[in-house]
PDB file of N, CA and C in Angstrom:
ATOM      1  N   MET A   1     112.785  85.900 130.434  1.00  0.00           N
ATOM      2  CA  MET A   1     112.014  87.120 130.540  1.00  0.00           C
ATOM      3  C   MET A   1     111.603  87.277 131.998  1.00  0.00           C
ATOM      4  N   ASN A   2     111.960  88.367 132.624  1.00  0.00           N
ATOM      5  CA  ASN A   2     111.669  88.569 134.035  1.00  0.00           C
ATOM      6  C   ASN A   2     110.534  89.550 134.276  1.00  0.00           C
ATOM      7  N   ASN A   3     109.649  89.683 133.359  1.00  0.00           N
ATOM      8  CA  ASN A   3     108.513  90.569 133.511  1.00  0.00           C
ATOM      9  C   ASN A   3     107.466  89.859 134.368  1.00  0.00           C
ATOM     10  N   PRO A   4     107.116  90.396 135.543  1.00  0.00           N
ATOM     11  CA  PRO A   4     106.154  89.707 136.402  1.00  0.00           C
ATOM     12  C   PRO A   4     104.762  89.626 135.795  1.00  0.00           C
ATOM     13  N   ARG A   5     104.497  90.423 134.769  1.00  0.00           N
ATOM     14  CA  ARG A   5     103.183  90.367 134.132  1.00  0.00           C
ATOM     15  C   ARG A   5     103.158  89.376 132.976  1.00  0.00           C
ATOM     16  N   PHE A   6     104.297  88.757 132.671  1.00  0.00           N
ATOM     17  CA  PHE A   6     104.372  87.800 131.571  1.00  0.00           C
ATOM     18  C   PHE A   6     103.732  86.486 131.986  1.00  0.00           C
ATOM     19  N   CYS A   7     102.872  85.954 131.170  1.00  0.00           N
ATOM     20  CA  CYS A   7     102.213  84.687 131.476  1.00  0.00           C
ATOM     21  C   CYS A   7     103.146  83.542 131.104  1.00  0.00           C
ATOM     22  N   ASP A   8     103.752  82.914 132.089  1.00  0.00           N
ATOM     23  CA  ASP A   8     104.700  81.829 131.874  1.00  0.00           C
ATOM     24  C   ASP A   8     103.951  80.535 131.607  1.00  0.00           C
ATOM     25  N   LEU A   9     103.882  80.128 130.347  1.00  0.00           N
ATOM     26  CA  LEU A   9     103.153  78.918 129.990  1.00  0.00           C
ATOM     27  C   LEU A   9     103.862  77.658 130.444  1.00  0.00           C
ATOM     28  N   HIS A  10     105.134  77.765 130.795  1.00  0.00           N
ATOM     29  CA  HIS A  10     105.851  76.594 131.293  1.00  0.00           C
ATOM     30  C   HIS A  10     105.213  76.082 132.577  1.00  0.00           C
ATOM     31  N   ALA A  11     104.573  76.954 133.340  1.00  0.00           N
ATOM     32  CA  ALA A  11     103.921  76.555 134.583  1.00  0.00           C
ATOM     33  C   ALA A  11     102.793  75.568 134.318  1.00  0.00           C
ATOM     34  N   CYS A  12     102.267  75.578 133.115  1.00  0.00           N
ATOM     35  CA  CYS A  12     101.175  74.679 132.752  1.00  0.00           C
ATOM     36  C   CYS A  12     101.675  73.488 131.944  1.00  0.00           C
ATOM     37  N   GLY A  13     102.974  73.311 131.871  1.00  0.00           N
ATOM     38  CA  GLY A  13     103.528  72.171 131.154  1.00  0.00           C
ATOM     39  C   GLY A  13     103.545  72.334 129.649  1.00  0.00           C
ATOM     40  N   VAL A  14     103.400  73.548 129.158  1.00  0.00           N
ATOM     41  CA  VAL A  14     103.413  73.793 127.719  1.00  0.00           C
ATOM     42  C   VAL A  14     104.858  73.932 127.267  1.00  0.00           C
ATOM     43  N   ASN A  15     105.225  73.168 126.261  1.00  0.00           N
ATOM     44  CA  ASN A  15     106.574  73.276 125.711  1.00  0.00           C
ATOM     45  C   ASN A  15     106.589  74.348 124.637  1.00  0.00           C
ATOM     46  N   ILE A  16     107.352  75.368 124.871  1.00  0.00           N
ATOM     47  CA  ILE A  16     107.468  76.462 123.916  1.00  0.00           C
ATOM     48  C   ILE A  16     108.833  76.348 123.273  1.00  0.00           C
ATOM     49  N   ALA A  17     108.854  76.337 121.957  1.00  0.00           N
ATOM     50  CA  ALA A  17     110.114  76.126 121.246  1.00  0.00           C
ATOM     51  C   ALA A  17     111.156  77.152 121.656  1.00  0.00           C
ATOM     52  N   LYS A  18     110.792  78.403 121.680  1.00  0.00           N
ATOM     53  CA  LYS A  18     111.765  79.444 121.955  1.00  0.00           C
ATOM     54  C   LYS A  18     111.035  80.756 122.190  1.00  0.00           C
ATOM     55  N   GLU A  19     111.456  81.486 123.199  1.00  0.00           N
ATOM     56  CA  GLU A  19     110.892  82.814 123.410  1.00  0.00           C
ATOM     57  C   GLU A  19     111.584  83.783 122.473  1.00  0.00           C
ATOM     58  N   VAL A  20     110.805  84.624 121.840  1.00  0.00           N
ATOM     59  CA  VAL A  20     111.346  85.576 120.885  1.00  0.00           C
ATOM     60  C   VAL A  20     110.945  86.973 121.325  1.00  0.00           C
ATOM     61  N   GLU A  21     111.912  87.842 121.413  1.00  0.00           N
ATOM     62  CA  GLU A  21     111.611  89.239 121.702  1.00  0.00           C
ATOM     63  C   GLU A  21     111.029  89.855 120.437  1.00  0.00           C
ATOM     64  N   THR A  22     109.831  90.363 120.547  1.00  0.00           N
ATOM     65  CA  THR A  22     109.175  90.928 119.376  1.00  0.00           C
ATOM     66  C   THR A  22     109.150  92.448 119.394  1.00  0.00           C
ATOM     67  N   GLY A  23     109.651  93.044 120.457  1.00  0.00           N
ATOM     68  CA  GLY A  23     109.593  94.492 120.548  1.00  0.00           C
ATOM     69  C   GLY A  23     108.216  94.932 121.004  1.00  0.00           C
ATOM     70  N   LEU A  24     108.014  96.209 121.040  1.00  0.00           N
ATOM     71  CA  LEU A  24     106.737  96.741 121.478  1.00  0.00           C
ATOM     72  C   LEU A  24     105.728  96.692 120.339  1.00  0.00           C
ATOM     73  N   PRO A  25     104.487  96.289 120.642  1.00  0.00           N
ATOM     74  CA  PRO A  25     103.469  96.256 119.591  1.00  0.00           C
ATOM     75  C   PRO A  25     103.069  97.669 119.189  1.00  0.00           C
ATOM     76  N   VAL A  26     102.685  97.809 117.952  1.00  0.00           N
ATOM     77  CA  VAL A  26     102.218  99.107 117.480  1.00  0.00           C
ATOM     78  C   VAL A  26     100.754  99.274 117.876  1.00  0.00           C
ATOM     79  N   GLU A  27     100.309 100.504 117.900  1.00  0.00           N
ATOM     80  CA  GLU A  27      98.955 100.808 118.367  1.00  0.00           C
ATOM     81  C   GLU A  27      97.875 100.051 117.598  1.00  0.00           C
ATOM     82  N   LYS A  28      98.058  99.873 116.281  1.00  0.00           N
ATOM     83  CA  LYS A  28      97.018  99.167 115.517  1.00  0.00           C
ATOM     84  C   LYS A  28      96.935  97.705 115.938  1.00  0.00           C
ATOM     85  N   ASP A  29      98.077  97.102 116.310  1.00  0.00           N
ATOM     86  CA  ASP A  29      98.071  95.720 116.790  1.00  0.00           C
ATOM     87  C   ASP A  29      97.371  95.620 118.142  1.00  0.00           C
ATOM     88  N   ILE A  30      97.617  96.605 118.987  1.00  0.00           N
ATOM     89  CA  ILE A  30      96.966  96.635 120.296  1.00  0.00           C
ATOM     90  C   ILE A  30      95.459  96.791 120.122  1.00  0.00           C
ATOM     91  N   ALA A  31      95.049  97.678 119.234  1.00  0.00           N
ATOM     92  CA  ALA A  31      93.624  97.895 118.987  1.00  0.00           C
ATOM     93  C   ALA A  31      92.970  96.637 118.422  1.00  0.00           C
ATOM     94  N   ALA A  32      93.644  95.964 117.500  1.00  0.00           N
ATOM     95  CA  ALA A  32      93.098  94.739 116.911  1.00  0.00           C
ATOM     96  C   ALA A  32      92.959  93.647 117.973  1.00  0.00           C
ATOM     97  N   TYR A  33      93.966  93.506 118.829  1.00  0.00           N
ATOM     98  CA  TYR A  33      93.913  92.509 119.903  1.00  0.00           C
ATOM     99  C   TYR A  33      92.767  92.833 120.860  1.00  0.00           C
ATOM    100  N   ARG A  34      92.654  94.107 121.211  1.00  0.00           N
ATOM    101  CA  ARG A  34      91.590  94.531 122.125  1.00  0.00           C
ATOM    102  C   ARG A  34      90.214  94.214 121.527  1.00  0.00           C
ATOM    103  N   ASP A  35      90.029  94.501 120.234  1.00  0.00           N
ATOM    104  CA  ASP A  35      88.749  94.235 119.583  1.00  0.00           C
ATOM    105  C   ASP A  35      88.427  92.746 119.519  1.00  0.00           C
ATOM    106  N   GLU A  36      89.453  91.935 119.257  1.00  0.00           N
ATOM    107  CA  GLU A  36      89.208  90.500 119.077  1.00  0.00           C
ATOM    108  C   GLU A  36      89.084  89.744 120.389  1.00  0.00           C
ATOM    109  N   PHE A  37      89.906  90.075 121.368  1.00  0.00           N
ATOM    110  CA  PHE A  37      89.979  89.239 122.561  1.00  0.00           C
ATOM    111  C   PHE A  37      89.480  89.886 123.849  1.00  0.00           C
ATOM    112  N   LEU A  38      89.464  91.203 123.937  1.00  0.00           N
ATOM    113  CA  LEU A  38      89.135  91.858 125.200  1.00  0.00           C
ATOM    114  C   LEU A  38      87.730  92.428 125.236  1.00  0.00           C
ATOM    115  N   THR A  39      86.893  91.987 124.325  1.00  0.00           N
ATOM    116  CA  THR A  39      85.508  92.418 124.291  1.00  0.00           C
ATOM    117  C   THR A  39      84.687  91.509 125.199  1.00  0.00           C
ATOM    118  N   PRO A  40      83.970  92.093 126.171  1.00  0.00           N
ATOM    119  CA  PRO A  40      83.117  91.245 127.013  1.00  0.00           C
ATOM    120  C   PRO A  40      82.145  90.455 126.148  1.00  0.00           C
ATOM    121  N   TYR A  41      81.881  89.252 126.552  1.00  0.00           N
ATOM    122  CA  TYR A  41      81.070  88.326 125.772  1.00  0.00           C
ATOM    123  C   TYR A  41      80.062  87.693 126.707  1.00  0.00           C
ATOM    124  N   THR A  42      78.806  87.663 126.317  1.00  0.00           N
ATOM    125  CA  THR A  42      77.800  86.983 127.116  1.00  0.00           C
ATOM    126  C   THR A  42      77.863  85.507 126.771  1.00  0.00           C
ATOM    127  N   VAL A  43      78.305  84.725 127.735  1.00  0.00           N
ATOM    128  CA  VAL A  43      78.530  83.310 127.480  1.00  0.00           C
ATOM    129  C   VAL A  43      77.223  82.557 127.332  1.00  0.00           C
ATOM    130  N   GLY A  44      76.159  82.957 128.009  1.00  0.00           N
ATOM    131  CA  GLY A  44      74.877  82.273 127.900  1.00  0.00           C
ATOM    132  C   GLY A  44      74.907  80.945 128.640  1.00  0.00           C
ATOM    133  N   ALA A  45      74.308  79.914 128.041  1.00  0.00           N
ATOM    134  CA  ALA A  45      74.317  78.585 128.660  1.00  0.00           C
ATOM    135  C   ALA A  45      75.762  78.125 128.776  1.00  0.00           C
ATOM    136  N   ARG A  46      76.132  77.680 129.959  1.00  0.00           N
ATOM    137  CA  ARG A  46      77.543  77.364 130.205  1.00  0.00           C
ATOM    138  C   ARG A  46      77.744  75.896 130.503  1.00  0.00           C
ATOM    139  N   LYS A  47      78.959  75.473 130.294  1.00  0.00           N
ATOM    140  CA  LYS A  47      79.375  74.127 130.664  1.00  0.00           C
ATOM    141  C   LYS A  47      80.808  74.242 131.146  1.00  0.00           C
ATOM    142  N   GLY A  48      81.091  73.636 132.271  1.00  0.00           N
ATOM    143  CA  GLY A  48      82.431  73.712 132.837  1.00  0.00           C
ATOM    144  C   GLY A  48      83.421  72.842 132.078  1.00  0.00           C
ATOM    145  N   ILE A  49      84.652  73.287 132.051  1.00  0.00           N
ATOM    146  CA  ILE A  49      85.744  72.485 131.507  1.00  0.00           C
ATOM    147  C   ILE A  49      86.855  72.480 132.547  1.00  0.00           C
ATOM    148  N   PHE A  50      87.728  71.502 132.454  1.00  0.00           N
ATOM    149  CA  PHE A  50      88.819  71.402 133.412  1.00  0.00           C
ATOM    150  C   PHE A  50      90.109  71.867 132.766  1.00  0.00           C
ATOM    151  N   VAL A  51      90.740  72.827 133.402  1.00  0.00           N
ATOM    152  CA  VAL A  51      92.044  73.329 132.973  1.00  0.00           C
ATOM    153  C   VAL A  51      92.919  73.412 134.219  1.00  0.00           C
ATOM    154  N   PRO A  52      94.221  73.394 134.048  1.00  0.00           N
ATOM    155  CA  PRO A  52      95.100  73.473 135.214  1.00  0.00           C
ATOM    156  C   PRO A  52      94.844  74.739 136.035  1.00  0.00           C
ATOM    157  N   ARG A  53      94.837  74.575 137.339  1.00  0.00           N
ATOM    158  CA  ARG A  53      94.614  75.707 138.249  1.00  0.00           C
ATOM    159  C   ARG A  53      95.611  76.828 137.987  1.00  0.00           C
ATOM    160  N   GLU A  54      96.855  76.460 137.656  1.00  0.00           N
ATOM    161  CA  GLU A  54      97.882  77.469 137.389  1.00  0.00           C
ATOM    162  C   GLU A  54      97.492  78.348 136.204  1.00  0.00           C
ATOM    163  N   LEU A  55      96.877  77.738 135.199  1.00  0.00           N
ATOM    164  CA  LEU A  55      96.452  78.503 134.030  1.00  0.00           C
ATOM    165  C   LEU A  55      95.328  79.467 134.400  1.00  0.00           C
ATOM    166  N   VAL A  56      94.376  79.000 135.179  1.00  0.00           N
ATOM    167  CA  VAL A  56      93.277  79.867 135.610  1.00  0.00           C
ATOM    168  C   VAL A  56      93.818  81.033 136.436  1.00  0.00           C
ATOM    169  N   ASP A  57      94.775  80.746 137.323  1.00  0.00           N
ATOM    170  CA  ASP A  57      95.378  81.810 138.130  1.00  0.00           C
ATOM    171  C   ASP A  57      96.083  82.837 137.245  1.00  0.00           C
ATOM    172  N   LYS A  58      96.835  82.360 136.245  1.00  0.00           N
ATOM    173  CA  LYS A  58      97.531  83.272 135.320  1.00  0.00           C
ATOM    174  C   LYS A  58      96.527  84.108 134.530  1.00  0.00           C
ATOM    175  N   LEU A  59      95.465  83.454 134.038  1.00  0.00           N
ATOM    176  CA  LEU A  59      94.448  84.182 133.274  1.00  0.00           C
ATOM    177  C   LEU A  59      93.777  85.241 134.142  1.00  0.00           C
ATOM    178  N   SER A  60      93.456  84.889 135.363  1.00  0.00           N
ATOM    179  CA  SER A  60      92.807  85.826 136.271  1.00  0.00           C
ATOM    180  C   SER A  60      93.675  87.062 136.501  1.00  0.00           C
ATOM    181  N   LYS A  61      94.957  86.848 136.746  1.00  0.00           N
ATOM    182  CA  LYS A  61      95.875  87.971 136.965  1.00  0.00           C
ATOM    183  C   LYS A  61      96.050  88.799 135.695  1.00  0.00           C
ATOM    184  N   THR A  62      96.163  88.116 134.559  1.00  0.00           N
ATOM    185  CA  THR A  62      96.351  88.808 133.281  1.00  0.00           C
ATOM    186  C   THR A  62      95.130  89.648 132.936  1.00  0.00           C
ATOM    187  N   ILE A  63      93.946  89.076 133.089  1.00  0.00           N
ATOM    188  CA  ILE A  63      92.710  89.790 132.765  1.00  0.00           C
ATOM    189  C   ILE A  63      92.544  91.012 133.660  1.00  0.00           C
ATOM    190  N   ALA A  64      92.921  90.890 134.921  1.00  0.00           N
ATOM    191  CA  ALA A  64      92.840  92.037 135.833  1.00  0.00           C
ATOM    192  C   ALA A  64      93.721  93.185 135.346  1.00  0.00           C
ATOM    193  N   LEU A  65      94.863  92.866 134.743  1.00  0.00           N
ATOM    194  CA  LEU A  65      95.778  93.896 134.244  1.00  0.00           C
ATOM    195  C   LEU A  65      95.224  94.634 133.027  1.00  0.00           C
ATOM    196  N   PHE A  66      94.264  94.030 132.316  1.00  0.00           N
ATOM    197  CA  PHE A  66      93.675  94.690 131.150  1.00  0.00           C
ATOM    198  C   PHE A  66      92.807  95.876 131.558  1.00  0.00           C
ATOM    199  N   GLY A  67      92.360  95.913 132.809  1.00  0.00           N
ATOM    200  CA  GLY A  67      91.589  97.045 133.299  1.00  0.00           C
ATOM    201  C   GLY A  67      90.170  97.122 132.777  1.00  0.00           C
ATOM    202  N   ASN A  68      89.618  96.005 132.345  1.00  0.00           N
ATOM    203  CA  ASN A  68      88.242  95.982 131.857  1.00  0.00           C
ATOM    204  C   ASN A  68      87.402  95.177 132.850  1.00  0.00           C
ATOM    205  N   PRO A  69      86.649  95.841 133.731  1.00  0.00           N
ATOM    206  CA  PRO A  69      85.914  95.124 134.772  1.00  0.00           C
ATOM    207  C   PRO A  69      84.822  94.201 134.237  1.00  0.00           C
ATOM    208  N   ASP A  70      84.382  94.399 133.003  1.00  0.00           N
ATOM    209  CA  ASP A  70      83.335  93.556 132.425  1.00  0.00           C
ATOM    210  C   ASP A  70      83.886  92.299 131.760  1.00  0.00           C
ATOM    211  N   LEU A  71      85.199  92.206 131.614  1.00  0.00           N
ATOM    212  CA  LEU A  71      85.817  91.049 130.962  1.00  0.00           C
ATOM    213  C   LEU A  71      86.041  89.946 131.990  1.00  0.00           C
ATOM    214  N   THR A  72      85.488  88.771 131.712  1.00  0.00           N
ATOM    215  CA  THR A  72      85.647  87.625 132.604  1.00  0.00           C
ATOM    216  C   THR A  72      86.611  86.619 131.988  1.00  0.00           C
ATOM    217  N   ILE A  73      87.066  85.679 132.803  1.00  0.00           N
ATOM    218  CA  ILE A  73      87.918  84.609 132.279  1.00  0.00           C
ATOM    219  C   ILE A  73      87.160  83.848 131.197  1.00  0.00           C
ATOM    220  N   GLY A  74      85.890  83.545 131.454  1.00  0.00           N
ATOM    221  CA  GLY A  74      85.083  82.810 130.477  1.00  0.00           C
ATOM    222  C   GLY A  74      84.959  83.540 129.153  1.00  0.00           C
ATOM    223  N   ALA A  75      84.741  84.855 129.209  1.00  0.00           N
ATOM    224  CA  ALA A  75      84.622  85.643 127.981  1.00  0.00           C
ATOM    225  C   ALA A  75      85.945  85.686 127.233  1.00  0.00           C
ATOM    226  N   PHE A  76      87.043  85.873 127.956  1.00  0.00           N
ATOM    227  CA  PHE A  76      88.368  85.922 127.336  1.00  0.00           C
ATOM    228  C   PHE A  76      88.689  84.597 126.650  1.00  0.00           C
ATOM    229  N   VAL A  77      88.460  83.496 127.361  1.00  0.00           N
ATOM    230  CA  VAL A  77      88.736  82.168 126.795  1.00  0.00           C
ATOM    231  C   VAL A  77      87.805  81.883 125.620  1.00  0.00           C
ATOM    232  N   THR A  78      86.544  82.280 125.721  1.00  0.00           N
ATOM    233  CA  THR A  78      85.606  82.092 124.607  1.00  0.00           C
ATOM    234  C   THR A  78      86.095  82.827 123.368  1.00  0.00           C
ATOM    235  N   ASN A  79      86.544  84.073 123.526  1.00  0.00           N
ATOM    236  CA  ASN A  79      87.063  84.840 122.388  1.00  0.00           C
ATOM    237  C   ASN A  79      88.286  84.163 121.772  1.00  0.00           C
ATOM    238  N   ILE A  80      89.171  83.632 122.618  1.00  0.00           N
ATOM    239  CA  ILE A  80      90.361  82.935 122.117  1.00  0.00           C
ATOM    240  C   ILE A  80      89.961  81.684 121.346  1.00  0.00           C
ATOM    241  N   LEU A  81      89.032  80.908 121.893  1.00  0.00           N
ATOM    242  CA  LEU A  81      88.613  79.669 121.230  1.00  0.00           C
ATOM    243  C   LEU A  81      87.903  79.942 119.905  1.00  0.00           C
ATOM    244  N   ILE A  82      87.054  80.955 119.874  1.00  0.00           N
ATOM    245  CA  ILE A  82      86.378  81.308 118.619  1.00  0.00           C
ATOM    246  C   ILE A  82      87.409  81.686 117.561  1.00  0.00           C
ATOM    247  N   SER A  83      88.393  82.486 117.941  1.00  0.00           N
ATOM    248  CA  SER A  83      89.449  82.886 117.010  1.00  0.00           C
ATOM    249  C   SER A  83      90.235  81.672 116.520  1.00  0.00           C
ATOM    250  N   HIS A  84      90.579  80.773 117.443  1.00  0.00           N
ATOM    251  CA  HIS A  84      91.338  79.570 117.075  1.00  0.00           C
ATOM    252  C   HIS A  84      90.540  78.694 116.108  1.00  0.00           C
ATOM    253  N   LEU A  85      89.270  78.465 116.414  1.00  0.00           N
ATOM    254  CA  LEU A  85      88.445  77.616 115.549  1.00  0.00           C
ATOM    255  C   LEU A  85      88.270  78.232 114.164  1.00  0.00           C
ATOM    256  N   ALA A  86      88.074  79.543 114.113  1.00  0.00           N
ATOM    257  CA  ALA A  86      87.926  80.212 112.819  1.00  0.00           C
ATOM    258  C   ALA A  86      89.226  80.166 112.024  1.00  0.00           C
ATOM    259  N   ALA A  87      90.350  80.409 112.689  1.00  0.00           N
ATOM    260  CA  ALA A  87      91.647  80.434 111.999  1.00  0.00           C
ATOM    261  C   ALA A  87      92.070  79.053 111.509  1.00  0.00           C
ATOM    262  N   ASN A  88      91.628  78.014 112.193  1.00  0.00           N
ATOM    263  CA  ASN A  88      92.052  76.649 111.857  1.00  0.00           C
ATOM    264  C   ASN A  88      90.920  75.799 111.304  1.00  0.00           C
ATOM    265  N   ARG A  89      89.885  76.448 110.842  1.00  0.00           N
ATOM    266  CA  ARG A  89      88.681  75.770 110.368  1.00  0.00           C
ATOM    267  C   ARG A  89      88.964  74.680 109.335  1.00  0.00           C
ATOM    268  N   THR A  90      89.746  74.978 108.327  1.00  0.00           N
ATOM    269  CA  THR A  90      90.013  74.014 107.259  1.00  0.00           C
ATOM    270  C   THR A  90      90.716  72.777 107.793  1.00  0.00           C
ATOM    271  N   VAL A  91      91.733  72.976 108.603  1.00  0.00           N
ATOM    272  CA  VAL A  91      92.490  71.848 109.157  1.00  0.00           C
ATOM    273  C   VAL A  91      91.607  71.019 110.083  1.00  0.00           C
ATOM    274  N   ILE A  92      90.833  71.678 110.942  1.00  0.00           N
ATOM    275  CA  ILE A  92      89.953  70.956 111.866  1.00  0.00           C
ATOM    276  C   ILE A  92      88.939  70.129 111.093  1.00  0.00           C
ATOM    277  N   ASN A  93      88.315  70.730 110.085  1.00  0.00           N
ATOM    278  CA  ASN A  93      87.334  69.990 109.292  1.00  0.00           C
ATOM    279  C   ASN A  93      87.976  68.821 108.556  1.00  0.00           C
ATOM    280  N   GLU A  94      89.190  69.003 108.059  1.00  0.00           N
ATOM    281  CA  GLU A  94      89.891  67.912 107.379  1.00  0.00           C
ATOM    282  C   GLU A  94      90.201  66.782 108.353  1.00  0.00           C
ATOM    283  N   LEU A  95      90.721  67.122 109.514  1.00  0.00           N
ATOM    284  CA  LEU A  95      91.065  66.097 110.505  1.00  0.00           C
ATOM    285  C   LEU A  95      89.839  65.358 111.013  1.00  0.00           C
ATOM    286  N   THR A  96      88.749  66.076 111.264  1.00  0.00           N
ATOM    287  CA  THR A  96      87.542  65.403 111.740  1.00  0.00           C
ATOM    288  C   THR A  96      86.883  64.615 110.626  1.00  0.00           C
ATOM    289  N   GLY A  97      87.072  65.034 109.380  1.00  0.00           N
ATOM    290  CA  GLY A  97      86.524  64.294 108.249  1.00  0.00           C
ATOM    291  C   GLY A  97      87.194  62.955 108.043  1.00  0.00           C
ATOM    292  N   ARG A  98      88.420  62.804 108.531  1.00  0.00           N
ATOM    293  CA  ARG A  98      89.150  61.548 108.401  1.00  0.00           C
ATOM    294  C   ARG A  98      88.708  60.521 109.430  1.00  0.00           C
ATOM    295  N   GLY A  99      88.061  60.977 110.491  1.00  0.00           N
ATOM    296  CA  GLY A  99      87.629  60.067 111.545  1.00  0.00           C
ATOM    297  C   GLY A  99      86.226  59.565 111.284  1.00  0.00           C
ATOM    298  N   SER A 100      85.664  58.917 112.289  1.00  0.00           N
ATOM    299  CA  SER A 100      84.326  58.361 112.138  1.00  0.00           C
ATOM    300  C   SER A 100      83.248  59.428 112.283  1.00  0.00           C
ATOM    301  N   LYS A 101      83.602  60.571 112.842  1.00  0.00           N
ATOM    302  CA  LYS A 101      82.640  61.656 113.013  1.00  0.00           C
ATOM    303  C   LYS A 101      83.115  62.875 112.237  1.00  0.00           C
ATOM    304  N   THR A 102      82.183  63.654 111.769  1.00  0.00           N
ATOM    305  CA  THR A 102      82.516  64.913 111.119  1.00  0.00           C
ATOM    306  C   THR A 102      81.878  66.036 111.919  1.00  0.00           C
ATOM    307  N   VAL A 103      82.702  66.918 112.394  1.00  0.00           N
ATOM    308  CA  VAL A 103      82.228  68.079 113.127  1.00  0.00           C
ATOM    309  C   VAL A 103      82.645  69.292 112.321  1.00  0.00           C
ATOM    310  N   LEU A 104      81.709  69.906 111.666  1.00  0.00           N
ATOM    311  CA  LEU A 104      82.032  71.058 110.834  1.00  0.00           C
ATOM    312  C   LEU A 104      82.088  72.308 111.678  1.00  0.00           C
ATOM    313  N   VAL A 105      83.184  73.031 111.550  1.00  0.00           N
ATOM    314  CA  VAL A 105      83.380  74.271 112.300  1.00  0.00           C
ATOM    315  C   VAL A 105      83.005  75.427 111.408  1.00  0.00           C
TER     316      VAL A 105
END
């Protein structure tokens, strides 16, 4: 894929099984994505995490393309993490329940 706006996860060492052309998203999919991930979020009390610089650079460029000046990298990543934790809640709780600690999501 030679789209300069495409976020190449290979730069961060992520192994992707296969790129699949999905065609253009329909408006309802775009609206749903915008509602879930592109909503500015007040992070509140913060704590730093370490991620590859290449990923931060890609996120910064990608977020700028969304055209929402109130959306920050922290808010975007927070929205993604909340969605991931909610979508995988059962598996996460099962896996943590097998260990010495239980962290309920």
